[in-house]
Amino acid sequence: MQLRLGQDIHAVMIDGDAVFLDVRSDAYFCLPGVGAVLAVRGTTVSTPEASLAEGLCAAGLATTEPCGPDRPPPPPAPLRTARALIVGAAHERAPARPRHWRAVAKAALEASAGRRKRFDRLLPAPPSLEPSRVAPAPGATLLRDLAIFRRIAPWLPLDGLCLYRSHLLRAYLTALGHRVDWMFGVRTWPFRAHCWLQAGDVALDDEAERVLAYHPIMVR
């Protein structure tokens, strides 16, 4: 039996466990050990078990109704870390220009306002299905702007968990005209959720080795 994920539902299979993210309620759900009777590919959910299909629909995680176009696959797994590309490079000590300070101020205001928003209202629009929608690997300009942010950030009277930090950096980079992917990933046993920014195969605000432990469940 084939179902479709709900409009605000995302899912990923991890070693036979199914993890669902309900964006509207900002909640995760895990169905352990269902890999033999459940498959998730994009927005399509397949199961031969009628009772499981009924349970997913009753919980609002899946539906028999069409829910728009399929979602694009996530970007490739990060293999490099922006920090390693910046350290020792010429742009590591690039001076901050007025446009950088304006971008920082705009990002700080946006991220602070985001603390009071629901999770689904905080997120940007879903990416398109075009192959070019994946953010390209960072060039020298993005790395220079990121290096400047890394020097300024410790002096900002702002702090928070990964969601807030990624939102702040994304708003800064977007204000400077850069396009990045906002990755949301999960792992199981123990369950953890995490988010980070990525451009091509480069993790921008985390270590590539660390985020490889997480399976992407949503990209914005």
N, C-alpha and C. Protein backbone atom coordinates (compact mmCIF):
# COMPACT_ATOMS: atom_id res chain seq x y z
N MET A 1 0.85 -1.20 0.00
CA MET A 1 0.00 0.00 0.00
C MET A 1 0.88 1.24 0.00
N GLN A 2 0.60 2.18 -0.88
CA GLN A 2 1.39 3.40 -0.97
C GLN A 2 0.64 4.58 -0.38
N LEU A 3 1.36 5.34 0.43
CA LEU A 3 0.83 6.54 1.05
C LEU A 3 1.74 7.71 0.70
N ARG A 4 1.32 8.88 1.10
CA ARG A 4 2.15 10.08 0.95
C ARG A 4 2.33 10.73 2.31
N LEU A 5 3.51 11.26 2.54
CA LEU A 5 3.72 12.03 3.76
C LEU A 5 2.81 13.25 3.74
N GLY A 6 2.38 13.66 4.93
CA GLY A 6 1.56 14.86 5.02
C GLY A 6 2.33 16.09 4.58
N GLN A 7 1.62 17.18 4.37
CA GLN A 7 2.22 18.42 3.86
C GLN A 7 3.35 18.92 4.74
N ASP A 8 3.22 18.79 6.04
CA ASP A 8 4.22 19.30 6.98
C ASP A 8 4.99 18.18 7.66
N ILE A 9 5.01 17.00 7.05
CA ILE A 9 5.67 15.85 7.62
C ILE A 9 6.91 15.47 6.79
N HIS A 10 8.00 15.19 7.47
CA HIS A 10 9.22 14.70 6.84
C HIS A 10 9.61 13.40 7.53
N ALA A 11 10.31 12.53 6.80
CA ALA A 11 10.65 11.23 7.38
C ALA A 11 11.96 10.72 6.80
N VAL A 12 12.61 9.84 7.56
CA VAL A 12 13.83 9.19 7.11
C VAL A 12 13.92 7.83 7.78
N MET A 13 14.48 6.85 7.07
CA MET A 13 14.73 5.53 7.63
C MET A 13 16.18 5.46 8.08
N ILE A 14 16.39 4.97 9.32
CA ILE A 14 17.74 4.83 9.87
C ILE A 14 17.89 3.42 10.42
N ASP A 15 18.60 2.58 9.70
CA ASP A 15 18.86 1.21 10.15
C ASP A 15 17.58 0.49 10.59
N GLY A 16 16.54 0.60 9.78
CA GLY A 16 15.30 -0.09 10.08
C GLY A 16 14.34 0.66 10.97
N ASP A 17 14.77 1.81 11.49
CA ASP A 17 13.88 2.64 12.30
C ASP A 17 13.35 3.79 11.44
N ALA A 18 12.08 4.12 11.60
CA ALA A 18 11.48 5.23 10.87
C ALA A 18 11.35 6.42 11.82
N VAL A 19 11.87 7.57 11.38
CA VAL A 19 11.77 8.80 12.18
C VAL A 19 10.96 9.80 11.38
N PHE A 20 9.96 10.38 12.02
CA PHE A 20 9.09 11.37 11.39
C PHE A 20 9.27 12.71 12.10
N LEU A 21 9.22 13.77 11.32
CA LEU A 21 9.24 15.14 11.85
C LEU A 21 7.96 15.83 11.43
N ASP A 22 7.20 16.28 12.43
CA ASP A 22 6.00 17.08 12.19
C ASP A 22 6.41 18.55 12.37
N VAL A 23 6.57 19.24 11.27
CA VAL A 23 7.07 20.61 11.32
C VAL A 23 6.11 21.53 12.06
N ARG A 24 4.82 21.36 11.82
CA ARG A 24 3.85 22.28 12.44
C ARG A 24 3.86 22.18 13.96
N SER A 25 4.01 20.98 14.49
CA SER A 25 4.02 20.83 15.95
C SER A 25 5.43 20.78 16.51
N ASP A 26 6.44 20.84 15.65
CA ASP A 26 7.85 20.78 16.08
C ASP A 26 8.08 19.55 16.96
N ALA A 27 7.69 18.38 16.44
CA ALA A 27 7.80 17.14 17.21
C ALA A 27 8.33 16.02 16.33
N TYR A 28 9.12 15.15 16.95
CA TYR A 28 9.67 13.98 16.27
C TYR A 28 8.98 12.72 16.80
N PHE A 29 8.81 11.74 15.92
CA PHE A 29 8.23 10.45 16.29
C PHE A 29 9.10 9.35 15.69
N CYS A 30 9.32 8.29 16.45
CA CYS A 30 10.16 7.19 15.98
C CYS A 30 9.39 5.88 16.06
N LEU A 31 9.44 5.11 14.96
CA LEU A 31 8.89 3.76 14.93
C LEU A 31 10.06 2.80 14.77
N PRO A 32 10.52 2.19 15.86
CA PRO A 32 11.71 1.34 15.78
C PRO A 32 11.43 -0.01 15.12
N GLY A 33 12.41 -0.50 14.38
CA GLY A 33 12.37 -1.85 13.84
C GLY A 33 11.28 -2.13 12.84
N VAL A 34 10.90 -1.11 12.05
CA VAL A 34 9.82 -1.34 11.07
C VAL A 34 10.36 -1.42 9.64
N GLY A 35 11.68 -1.50 9.50
CA GLY A 35 12.29 -1.49 8.17
C GLY A 35 11.82 -2.61 7.26
N ALA A 36 11.41 -3.74 7.84
CA ALA A 36 10.97 -4.88 7.03
C ALA A 36 9.58 -4.66 6.43
N VAL A 37 8.81 -3.74 7.02
CA VAL A 37 7.44 -3.55 6.54
C VAL A 37 7.14 -2.10 6.19
N LEU A 38 8.16 -1.25 6.14
CA LEU A 38 7.93 0.16 5.83
C LEU A 38 9.11 0.69 5.03
N ALA A 39 8.82 1.45 3.99
CA ALA A 39 9.85 2.10 3.17
C ALA A 39 9.46 3.55 2.96
N VAL A 40 10.45 4.43 3.02
CA VAL A 40 10.21 5.85 2.79
C VAL A 40 11.15 6.30 1.68
N ARG A 41 10.60 6.82 0.61
CA ARG A 41 11.39 7.36 -0.51
C ARG A 41 10.79 8.69 -0.91
N GLY A 42 11.51 9.76 -0.56
CA GLY A 42 10.97 11.08 -0.82
C GLY A 42 9.73 11.30 0.03
N THR A 43 8.60 11.57 -0.64
CA THR A 43 7.35 11.74 0.09
C THR A 43 6.48 10.49 0.02
N THR A 44 6.99 9.41 -0.58
CA THR A 44 6.22 8.18 -0.72
C THR A 44 6.52 7.22 0.43
N VAL A 45 5.48 6.73 1.05
CA VAL A 45 5.58 5.76 2.13
C VAL A 45 4.91 4.47 1.66
N SER A 46 5.63 3.36 1.72
CA SER A 46 5.09 2.08 1.26
C SER A 46 5.09 1.07 2.40
N THR A 47 4.00 0.32 2.53
CA THR A 47 3.92 -0.75 3.52
C THR A 47 2.88 -1.78 3.08
N PRO A 48 3.16 -3.07 3.28
CA PRO A 48 2.17 -4.10 2.98
C PRO A 48 1.19 -4.31 4.14
N GLU A 49 1.47 -3.67 5.28
CA GLU A 49 0.65 -3.85 6.47
C GLU A 49 -0.47 -2.81 6.52
N ALA A 50 -1.71 -3.27 6.33
CA ALA A 50 -2.84 -2.33 6.35
C ALA A 50 -2.99 -1.64 7.69
N SER A 51 -2.74 -2.37 8.78
CA SER A 51 -2.89 -1.77 10.11
C SER A 51 -1.86 -0.66 10.34
N LEU A 52 -0.63 -0.86 9.82
CA LEU A 52 0.40 0.17 9.96
C LEU A 52 0.02 1.39 9.14
N ALA A 53 -0.48 1.17 7.93
CA ALA A 53 -0.90 2.30 7.09
C ALA A 53 -2.03 3.08 7.77
N GLU A 54 -2.97 2.36 8.34
CA GLU A 54 -4.07 3.03 9.02
C GLU A 54 -3.58 3.82 10.23
N GLY A 55 -2.62 3.25 10.95
CA GLY A 55 -2.08 3.94 12.12
C GLY A 55 -1.34 5.21 11.73
N LEU A 56 -0.57 5.17 10.63
CA LEU A 56 0.16 6.36 10.17
C LEU A 56 -0.81 7.45 9.75
N CYS A 57 -1.88 7.04 9.07
CA CYS A 57 -2.87 8.03 8.64
C CYS A 57 -3.62 8.60 9.84
N ALA A 58 -3.96 7.75 10.79
CA ALA A 58 -4.68 8.21 11.98
C ALA A 58 -3.85 9.18 12.80
N ALA A 59 -2.53 8.98 12.79
CA ALA A 59 -1.62 9.86 13.54
C ALA A 59 -1.31 11.14 12.79
N GLY A 60 -1.78 11.24 11.54
CA GLY A 60 -1.52 12.44 10.75
C GLY A 60 -0.15 12.46 10.11
N LEU A 61 0.56 11.33 10.14
CA LEU A 61 1.91 11.28 9.57
C LEU A 61 1.89 10.98 8.08
N ALA A 62 0.85 10.35 7.60
CA ALA A 62 0.73 10.00 6.18
C ALA A 62 -0.72 10.15 5.76
N THR A 63 -0.92 10.13 4.46
CA THR A 63 -2.26 10.30 3.92
C THR A 63 -2.39 9.54 2.61
N THR A 64 -3.60 9.23 2.25
CA THR A 64 -3.84 8.60 0.95
C THR A 64 -4.09 9.64 -0.13
N GLU A 65 -4.15 10.91 0.27
CA GLU A 65 -4.40 12.00 -0.67
C GLU A 65 -3.08 12.53 -1.23
N PRO A 66 -3.07 13.02 -2.48
CA PRO A 66 -1.85 13.64 -3.02
C PRO A 66 -1.52 14.91 -2.25
N CYS A 67 -0.23 15.12 -2.00
CA CYS A 67 0.21 16.28 -1.20
C CYS A 67 1.27 17.10 -1.93
N GLY A 68 1.03 17.35 -3.20
CA GLY A 68 1.96 18.18 -3.94
C GLY A 68 3.11 17.38 -4.51
N PRO A 69 4.09 18.06 -5.12
CA PRO A 69 5.21 17.38 -5.77
C PRO A 69 6.14 16.71 -4.76
N ASP A 70 6.94 15.80 -5.28
CA ASP A 70 7.91 15.13 -4.43
C ASP A 70 8.96 16.13 -3.97
N ARG A 71 9.70 15.77 -2.93
CA ARG A 71 10.74 16.66 -2.41
C ARG A 71 12.09 16.26 -2.98
N PRO A 72 12.97 17.23 -3.20
CA PRO A 72 14.28 16.90 -3.76
C PRO A 72 15.12 16.14 -2.75
N PRO A 73 16.07 15.33 -3.22
CA PRO A 73 16.96 14.63 -2.29
C PRO A 73 17.86 15.62 -1.58
N PRO A 74 18.37 15.26 -0.42
CA PRO A 74 19.26 16.18 0.30
C PRO A 74 20.59 16.35 -0.43
N PRO A 75 21.34 17.40 -0.12
CA PRO A 75 22.67 17.58 -0.70
C PRO A 75 23.59 16.43 -0.30
N PRO A 76 24.73 16.30 -0.96
CA PRO A 76 25.67 15.25 -0.57
C PRO A 76 26.15 15.43 0.85
N ALA A 77 26.55 14.34 1.47
CA ALA A 77 27.04 14.40 2.85
C ALA A 77 28.27 15.33 2.91
N PRO A 78 28.39 16.13 3.96
CA PRO A 78 29.54 17.04 4.06
C PRO A 78 30.84 16.26 4.24
N LEU A 79 31.83 16.61 3.46
CA LEU A 79 33.15 15.98 3.54
C LEU A 79 34.22 16.93 4.06
N ARG A 80 33.89 18.22 4.03
CA ARG A 80 34.87 19.22 4.46
C ARG A 80 34.23 20.17 5.48
N THR A 81 35.06 20.83 6.26
CA THR A 81 34.62 21.77 7.28
C THR A 81 35.12 23.16 6.92
N ALA A 82 34.24 24.14 6.94
CA ALA A 82 34.63 25.50 6.57
C ALA A 82 35.74 26.02 7.47
N ARG A 83 35.68 25.69 8.75
CA ARG A 83 36.72 26.17 9.66
C ARG A 83 38.11 25.77 9.17
N ALA A 84 38.26 24.54 8.70
CA ALA A 84 39.56 24.07 8.23
C ALA A 84 39.98 24.79 6.95
N LEU A 85 39.00 25.22 6.15
CA LEU A 85 39.32 25.94 4.91
C LEU A 85 39.70 27.39 5.20
N ILE A 86 39.23 27.91 6.33
CA ILE A 86 39.48 29.31 6.65
C ILE A 86 40.81 29.49 7.37
N VAL A 87 41.08 28.62 8.33
CA VAL A 87 42.28 28.78 9.16
C VAL A 87 43.53 28.74 8.29
N GLY A 88 44.34 29.77 8.41
CA GLY A 88 45.58 29.85 7.66
C GLY A 88 45.44 30.41 6.26
N ALA A 89 44.20 30.62 5.80
CA ALA A 89 44.00 31.16 4.46
C ALA A 89 44.09 32.69 4.49
N ALA A 90 44.23 33.28 3.31
CA ALA A 90 44.42 34.73 3.23
C ALA A 90 43.22 35.49 3.78
N HIS A 91 42.01 34.94 3.60
CA HIS A 91 40.82 35.67 4.03
C HIS A 91 40.53 35.49 5.52
N GLU A 92 41.39 34.76 6.23
CA GLU A 92 41.14 34.56 7.67
C GLU A 92 41.14 35.89 8.42
N ARG A 93 41.98 36.82 8.00
CA ARG A 93 42.06 38.11 8.68
C ARG A 93 41.48 39.24 7.85
N ALA A 94 40.61 38.94 6.92
CA ALA A 94 40.00 39.98 6.09
C ALA A 94 39.26 40.97 6.99
N PRO A 95 39.40 42.26 6.74
CA PRO A 95 38.73 43.26 7.59
C PRO A 95 37.23 43.29 7.36
N ALA A 96 36.50 43.61 8.41
CA ALA A 96 35.05 43.75 8.30
C ALA A 96 34.72 45.10 7.68
N ARG A 97 33.86 45.08 6.69
CA ARG A 97 33.42 46.29 6.00
C ARG A 97 32.05 46.70 6.54
N PRO A 98 31.60 47.91 6.21
CA PRO A 98 30.28 48.33 6.66
C PRO A 98 29.17 47.35 6.29
N ARG A 99 29.26 46.73 5.11
CA ARG A 99 28.21 45.79 4.73
C ARG A 99 28.17 44.58 5.65
N HIS A 100 29.33 44.19 6.21
CA HIS A 100 29.34 43.06 7.14
C HIS A 100 28.64 43.45 8.44
N TRP A 101 28.90 44.65 8.93
CA TRP A 101 28.25 45.09 10.16
C TRP A 101 26.74 45.24 9.96
N ARG A 102 26.34 45.72 8.78
CA ARG A 102 24.90 45.81 8.51
C ARG A 102 24.27 44.43 8.47
N ALA A 103 24.97 43.47 7.86
CA ALA A 103 24.45 42.10 7.78
C ALA A 103 24.35 41.47 9.16
N VAL A 104 25.35 41.73 10.02
CA VAL A 104 25.32 41.20 11.38
C VAL A 104 24.14 41.78 12.16
N ALA A 105 23.94 43.10 12.04
CA ALA A 105 22.83 43.74 12.75
C ALA A 105 21.49 43.19 12.27
N LYS A 106 21.33 43.05 10.95
CA LYS A 106 20.09 42.52 10.41
C LYS A 106 19.86 41.08 10.87
N ALA A 107 20.93 40.27 10.85
CA ALA A 107 20.80 38.87 11.26
C ALA A 107 20.47 38.76 12.74
N ALA A 108 21.08 39.60 13.58
CA ALA A 108 20.81 39.57 15.01
C ALA A 108 19.35 39.89 15.31
N LEU A 109 18.81 40.89 14.61
CA LEU A 109 17.40 41.24 14.81
C LEU A 109 16.49 40.12 14.35
N GLU A 110 16.82 39.52 13.19
CA GLU A 110 15.99 38.45 12.65
C GLU A 110 16.03 37.22 13.56
N ALA A 111 17.22 36.86 14.03
CA ALA A 111 17.34 35.68 14.88
C ALA A 111 16.68 35.91 16.23
N SER A 112 16.79 37.10 16.77
CA SER A 112 16.14 37.40 18.05
C SER A 112 14.62 37.32 17.91
N ALA A 113 14.10 37.85 16.81
CA ALA A 113 12.66 37.75 16.57
C ALA A 113 12.24 36.30 16.36
N GLY A 114 13.14 35.50 15.81
CA GLY A 114 12.83 34.10 15.56
C GLY A 114 12.62 33.29 16.82
N ARG A 115 13.18 33.74 17.93
CA ARG A 115 12.98 33.03 19.20
C ARG A 115 11.50 32.99 19.59
N ARG A 116 10.74 33.97 19.13
CA ARG A 116 9.34 34.06 19.52
C ARG A 116 8.41 33.45 18.47
N LYS A 117 8.98 32.87 17.41
CA LYS A 117 8.17 32.30 16.34
C LYS A 117 8.02 30.80 16.50
N ARG A 118 6.91 30.28 16.02
CA ARG A 118 6.74 28.84 15.92
C ARG A 118 7.76 28.29 14.94
N PHE A 119 8.12 27.03 15.13
CA PHE A 119 9.13 26.41 14.28
C PHE A 119 8.77 26.51 12.80
N ASP A 120 7.53 26.24 12.45
CA ASP A 120 7.15 26.27 11.04
C ASP A 120 7.15 27.69 10.47
N ARG A 121 6.96 28.70 11.32
CA ARG A 121 7.01 30.09 10.87
C ARG A 121 8.45 30.60 10.76
N LEU A 122 9.35 29.92 11.43
CA LEU A 122 10.75 30.32 11.40
C LEU A 122 11.43 29.88 10.10
N LEU A 123 10.99 28.79 9.52
CA LEU A 123 11.67 28.18 8.39
C LEU A 123 11.41 28.94 7.09
N PRO A 124 12.41 29.00 6.21
CA PRO A 124 12.17 29.55 4.88
C PRO A 124 11.33 28.59 4.05
N ALA A 125 10.94 29.02 2.88
CA ALA A 125 10.13 28.19 2.00
C ALA A 125 10.92 26.95 1.58
N PRO A 126 10.23 25.83 1.31
CA PRO A 126 10.93 24.62 0.86
C PRO A 126 11.67 24.88 -0.43
N PRO A 127 12.79 24.16 -0.66
CA PRO A 127 13.55 24.35 -1.90
C PRO A 127 12.78 23.80 -3.09
N SER A 128 13.17 24.27 -4.26
CA SER A 128 12.54 23.80 -5.49
C SER A 128 13.09 22.44 -5.86
N LEU A 129 12.49 21.85 -6.88
CA LEU A 129 12.93 20.54 -7.35
C LEU A 129 14.06 20.64 -8.37
N GLU A 130 14.44 21.86 -8.74
CA GLU A 130 15.50 22.03 -9.73
C GLU A 130 16.82 21.49 -9.20
N PRO A 131 17.60 20.79 -10.04
CA PRO A 131 18.90 20.27 -9.58
C PRO A 131 19.82 21.36 -9.06
N SER A 132 19.69 22.57 -9.61
CA SER A 132 20.57 23.66 -9.21
C SER A 132 20.20 24.27 -7.87
N ARG A 133 19.13 23.75 -7.24
CA ARG A 133 18.70 24.35 -5.98
C ARG A 133 19.69 24.05 -4.86
N VAL A 134 20.53 23.01 -5.00
CA VAL A 134 21.52 22.70 -3.97
C VAL A 134 22.56 23.80 -3.95
N ALA A 135 22.84 24.34 -2.77
CA ALA A 135 23.82 25.42 -2.66
C ALA A 135 25.18 24.94 -3.14
N PRO A 136 25.86 25.72 -3.95
CA PRO A 136 27.18 25.30 -4.46
C PRO A 136 28.24 25.36 -3.37
N ALA A 137 29.34 24.69 -3.61
CA ALA A 137 30.46 24.72 -2.66
C ALA A 137 30.91 26.17 -2.46
N PRO A 138 31.33 26.53 -1.27
CA PRO A 138 31.67 27.93 -0.99
C PRO A 138 32.91 28.39 -1.75
N GLY A 139 32.79 29.57 -2.33
CA GLY A 139 33.94 30.19 -2.96
C GLY A 139 34.68 31.08 -1.98
N ALA A 140 35.65 31.81 -2.49
CA ALA A 140 36.49 32.65 -1.62
C ALA A 140 35.67 33.74 -0.93
N THR A 141 34.66 34.29 -1.63
CA THR A 141 33.87 35.37 -1.03
C THR A 141 33.07 34.88 0.16
N LEU A 142 32.41 33.73 0.02
CA LEU A 142 31.64 33.20 1.15
C LEU A 142 32.56 32.86 2.32
N LEU A 143 33.70 32.24 2.04
CA LEU A 143 34.62 31.88 3.11
C LEU A 143 35.16 33.13 3.81
N ARG A 144 35.41 34.19 3.05
CA ARG A 144 35.87 35.43 3.66
C ARG A 144 34.79 36.02 4.56
N ASP A 145 33.55 36.06 4.05
CA ASP A 145 32.45 36.60 4.86
C ASP A 145 32.20 35.74 6.10
N LEU A 146 32.36 34.44 5.95
CA LEU A 146 32.20 33.54 7.10
C LEU A 146 33.31 33.77 8.12
N ALA A 147 34.54 33.97 7.65
CA ALA A 147 35.66 34.22 8.55
C ALA A 147 35.43 35.50 9.36
N ILE A 148 34.88 36.51 8.72
CA ILE A 148 34.59 37.76 9.41
C ILE A 148 33.52 37.54 10.47
N PHE A 149 32.48 36.78 10.13
CA PHE A 149 31.44 36.48 11.11
C PHE A 149 32.01 35.72 12.30
N ARG A 150 32.89 34.77 12.05
CA ARG A 150 33.48 33.98 13.14
C ARG A 150 34.27 34.86 14.10
N ARG A 151 34.85 35.94 13.60
CA ARG A 151 35.58 36.85 14.48
C ARG A 151 34.64 37.75 15.26
N ILE A 152 33.51 38.12 14.65
CA ILE A 152 32.57 39.03 15.30
C ILE A 152 31.69 38.31 16.30
N ALA A 153 31.27 37.08 15.98
CA ALA A 153 30.27 36.36 16.76
C ALA A 153 30.56 36.26 18.25
N PRO A 154 31.82 35.98 18.68
CA PRO A 154 32.06 35.86 20.13
C PRO A 154 31.76 37.14 20.90
N TRP A 155 31.72 38.28 20.23
CA TRP A 155 31.46 39.54 20.92
C TRP A 155 29.99 39.92 20.91
N LEU A 156 29.17 39.14 20.22
CA LEU A 156 27.74 39.45 20.19
C LEU A 156 27.09 38.96 21.49
N PRO A 157 26.18 39.76 22.05
CA PRO A 157 25.48 39.34 23.28
C PRO A 157 24.35 38.37 22.96
N LEU A 158 24.67 37.37 22.16
CA LEU A 158 23.67 36.41 21.67
C LEU A 158 24.21 35.01 21.81
N ASP A 159 23.37 34.10 22.17
CA ASP A 159 23.77 32.70 22.27
C ASP A 159 22.51 31.84 22.22
N GLY A 160 22.70 30.56 21.94
CA GLY A 160 21.55 29.68 21.88
C GLY A 160 21.93 28.33 21.33
N LEU A 161 20.94 27.48 21.17
CA LEU A 161 21.17 26.14 20.66
C LEU A 161 21.40 26.20 19.16
N CYS A 162 21.61 25.01 18.56
CA CYS A 162 21.99 24.96 17.15
C CYS A 162 20.97 25.64 16.25
N LEU A 163 19.68 25.55 16.57
CA LEU A 163 18.66 26.16 15.74
C LEU A 163 18.85 27.67 15.68
N TYR A 164 19.09 28.29 16.82
CA TYR A 164 19.27 29.74 16.87
C TYR A 164 20.57 30.13 16.18
N ARG A 165 21.66 29.39 16.44
CA ARG A 165 22.95 29.74 15.86
C ARG A 165 22.92 29.61 14.34
N SER A 166 22.31 28.55 13.84
CA SER A 166 22.24 28.37 12.39
C SER A 166 21.34 29.44 11.76
N HIS A 167 20.25 29.78 12.44
CA HIS A 167 19.37 30.83 11.93
C HIS A 167 20.13 32.15 11.84
N LEU A 168 20.90 32.47 12.86
CA LEU A 168 21.67 33.72 12.89
C LEU A 168 22.68 33.76 11.74
N LEU A 169 23.44 32.70 11.57
CA LEU A 169 24.44 32.68 10.50
C LEU A 169 23.78 32.68 9.13
N ARG A 170 22.69 31.94 8.98
CA ARG A 170 22.01 31.92 7.69
C ARG A 170 21.49 33.30 7.33
N ALA A 171 20.91 34.00 8.30
CA ALA A 171 20.41 35.35 8.03
C ALA A 171 21.55 36.28 7.63
N TYR A 172 22.70 36.14 8.27
CA TYR A 172 23.88 36.95 7.93
C TYR A 172 24.35 36.66 6.51
N LEU A 173 24.51 35.39 6.18
CA LEU A 173 25.01 35.03 4.85
C LEU A 173 23.99 35.40 3.76
N THR A 174 22.71 35.22 4.05
CA THR A 174 21.68 35.58 3.09
C THR A 174 21.69 37.09 2.83
N ALA A 175 21.89 37.87 3.89
CA ALA A 175 21.95 39.33 3.74
C ALA A 175 23.11 39.75 2.85
N LEU A 176 24.15 38.93 2.78
CA LEU A 176 25.31 39.23 1.94
C LEU A 176 25.19 38.58 0.56
N GLY A 177 24.05 37.97 0.28
CA GLY A 177 23.81 37.43 -1.04
C GLY A 177 24.23 36.00 -1.27
N HIS A 178 24.55 35.26 -0.20
CA HIS A 178 24.98 33.87 -0.34
C HIS A 178 23.78 32.93 -0.22
N ARG A 179 23.88 31.80 -0.87
CA ARG A 179 22.83 30.77 -0.79
C ARG A 179 23.42 29.54 -0.10
N VAL A 180 22.77 29.11 0.96
CA VAL A 180 23.23 27.95 1.72
C VAL A 180 22.05 27.03 2.01
N ASP A 181 22.34 25.80 2.34
CA ASP A 181 21.30 24.84 2.71
C ASP A 181 21.24 24.73 4.23
N TRP A 182 20.02 24.82 4.76
CA TRP A 182 19.80 24.66 6.20
C TRP A 182 19.38 23.21 6.41
N MET A 183 20.30 22.43 6.97
CA MET A 183 20.10 20.99 7.11
C MET A 183 19.55 20.65 8.49
N PHE A 184 18.58 19.75 8.51
CA PHE A 184 18.05 19.22 9.77
C PHE A 184 18.24 17.71 9.74
N GLY A 185 18.90 17.18 10.76
CA GLY A 185 19.21 15.76 10.78
C GLY A 185 18.86 15.12 12.11
N VAL A 186 18.76 13.80 12.11
CA VAL A 186 18.44 13.05 13.32
C VAL A 186 19.34 11.82 13.40
N ARG A 187 19.49 11.32 14.60
CA ARG A 187 20.16 10.05 14.84
C ARG A 187 19.35 9.30 15.91
N THR A 188 19.59 8.02 16.02
CA THR A 188 18.84 7.22 16.99
C THR A 188 19.80 6.50 17.94
N TRP A 189 19.24 6.09 19.06
CA TRP A 189 19.95 5.27 20.06
C TRP A 189 21.32 5.85 20.46
N PRO A 190 21.33 6.93 21.21
CA PRO A 190 20.18 7.71 21.68
C PRO A 190 19.67 8.67 20.61
N PHE A 191 18.39 9.01 20.71
CA PHE A 191 17.82 9.92 19.72
C PHE A 191 18.33 11.33 19.96
N ARG A 192 18.74 11.96 18.87
CA ARG A 192 19.14 13.37 18.92
C ARG A 192 18.75 14.03 17.60
N ALA A 193 18.41 15.30 17.67
CA ALA A 193 18.13 16.10 16.48
C ALA A 193 19.13 17.25 16.45
N HIS A 194 19.50 17.66 15.25
CA HIS A 194 20.54 18.67 15.11
C HIS A 194 20.30 19.42 13.81
N CYS A 195 20.80 20.62 13.70
CA CYS A 195 20.75 21.34 12.43
C CYS A 195 22.06 22.08 12.20
N TRP A 196 22.37 22.30 10.93
CA TRP A 196 23.61 22.97 10.55
C TRP A 196 23.42 23.57 9.16
N LEU A 197 24.36 24.43 8.78
CA LEU A 197 24.36 25.02 7.44
C LEU A 197 25.39 24.31 6.58
N GLN A 198 25.06 24.20 5.30
CA GLN A 198 25.93 23.48 4.38
C GLN A 198 25.91 24.15 3.02
N ALA A 199 27.06 24.15 2.35
CA ALA A 199 27.17 24.63 0.98
C ALA A 199 27.98 23.60 0.21
N GLY A 200 27.34 22.95 -0.75
CA GLY A 200 28.02 21.85 -1.43
C GLY A 200 28.33 20.75 -0.43
N ASP A 201 29.59 20.35 -0.38
CA ASP A 201 29.99 19.30 0.57
C ASP A 201 30.71 19.88 1.78
N VAL A 202 30.47 21.15 2.08
CA VAL A 202 31.16 21.83 3.18
C VAL A 202 30.18 22.18 4.29
N ALA A 203 30.45 21.73 5.50
CA ALA A 203 29.69 22.14 6.68
C ALA A 203 30.20 23.51 7.11
N LEU A 204 29.30 24.47 7.21
CA LEU A 204 29.71 25.85 7.44
C LEU A 204 29.83 26.21 8.91
N ASP A 205 28.98 25.67 9.76
CA ASP A 205 28.97 26.07 11.17
C ASP A 205 29.13 24.89 12.10
N ASP A 206 29.69 23.81 11.61
CA ASP A 206 29.91 22.62 12.42
C ASP A 206 31.04 21.83 11.78
N GLU A 207 31.45 20.77 12.46
CA GLU A 207 32.49 19.90 11.91
C GLU A 207 31.85 18.81 11.05
N ALA A 208 32.40 18.60 9.87
CA ALA A 208 31.84 17.58 8.97
C ALA A 208 31.80 16.21 9.64
N GLU A 209 32.83 15.89 10.38
CA GLU A 209 32.88 14.58 11.03
C GLU A 209 31.74 14.40 12.03
N ARG A 210 31.33 15.49 12.66
CA ARG A 210 30.27 15.40 13.67
C ARG A 210 28.90 15.25 13.03
N VAL A 211 28.62 16.04 11.99
CA VAL A 211 27.29 16.01 11.40
C VAL A 211 27.07 14.76 10.55
N LEU A 212 28.14 14.04 10.21
CA LEU A 212 27.97 12.79 9.48
C LEU A 212 27.21 11.75 10.30
N ALA A 213 27.16 11.95 11.62
CA ALA A 213 26.43 11.02 12.47
C ALA A 213 24.92 11.22 12.36
N TYR A 214 24.50 12.30 11.69
CA TYR A 214 23.08 12.62 11.58
C TYR A 214 22.58 12.35 10.16
N HIS A 215 21.37 11.81 10.07
CA HIS A 215 20.74 11.54 8.78
C HIS A 215 19.82 12.69 8.42
N PRO A 216 20.01 13.35 7.29
CA PRO A 216 19.14 14.47 6.94
C PRO A 216 17.68 14.06 6.85
N ILE A 217 16.83 14.83 7.48
CA ILE A 217 15.40 14.56 7.44
C ILE A 217 14.65 15.71 6.75
N MET A 218 15.28 16.90 6.73
CA MET A 218 14.66 18.05 6.07
C MET A 218 15.75 19.02 5.64
N VAL A 219 15.53 19.68 4.50
CA VAL A 219 16.45 20.69 3.98
C VAL A 219 15.65 21.93 3.67
N ARG A 220 16.16 23.08 4.11
CA ARG A 220 15.51 24.35 3.80
C ARG A 220 16.55 25.34 3.30
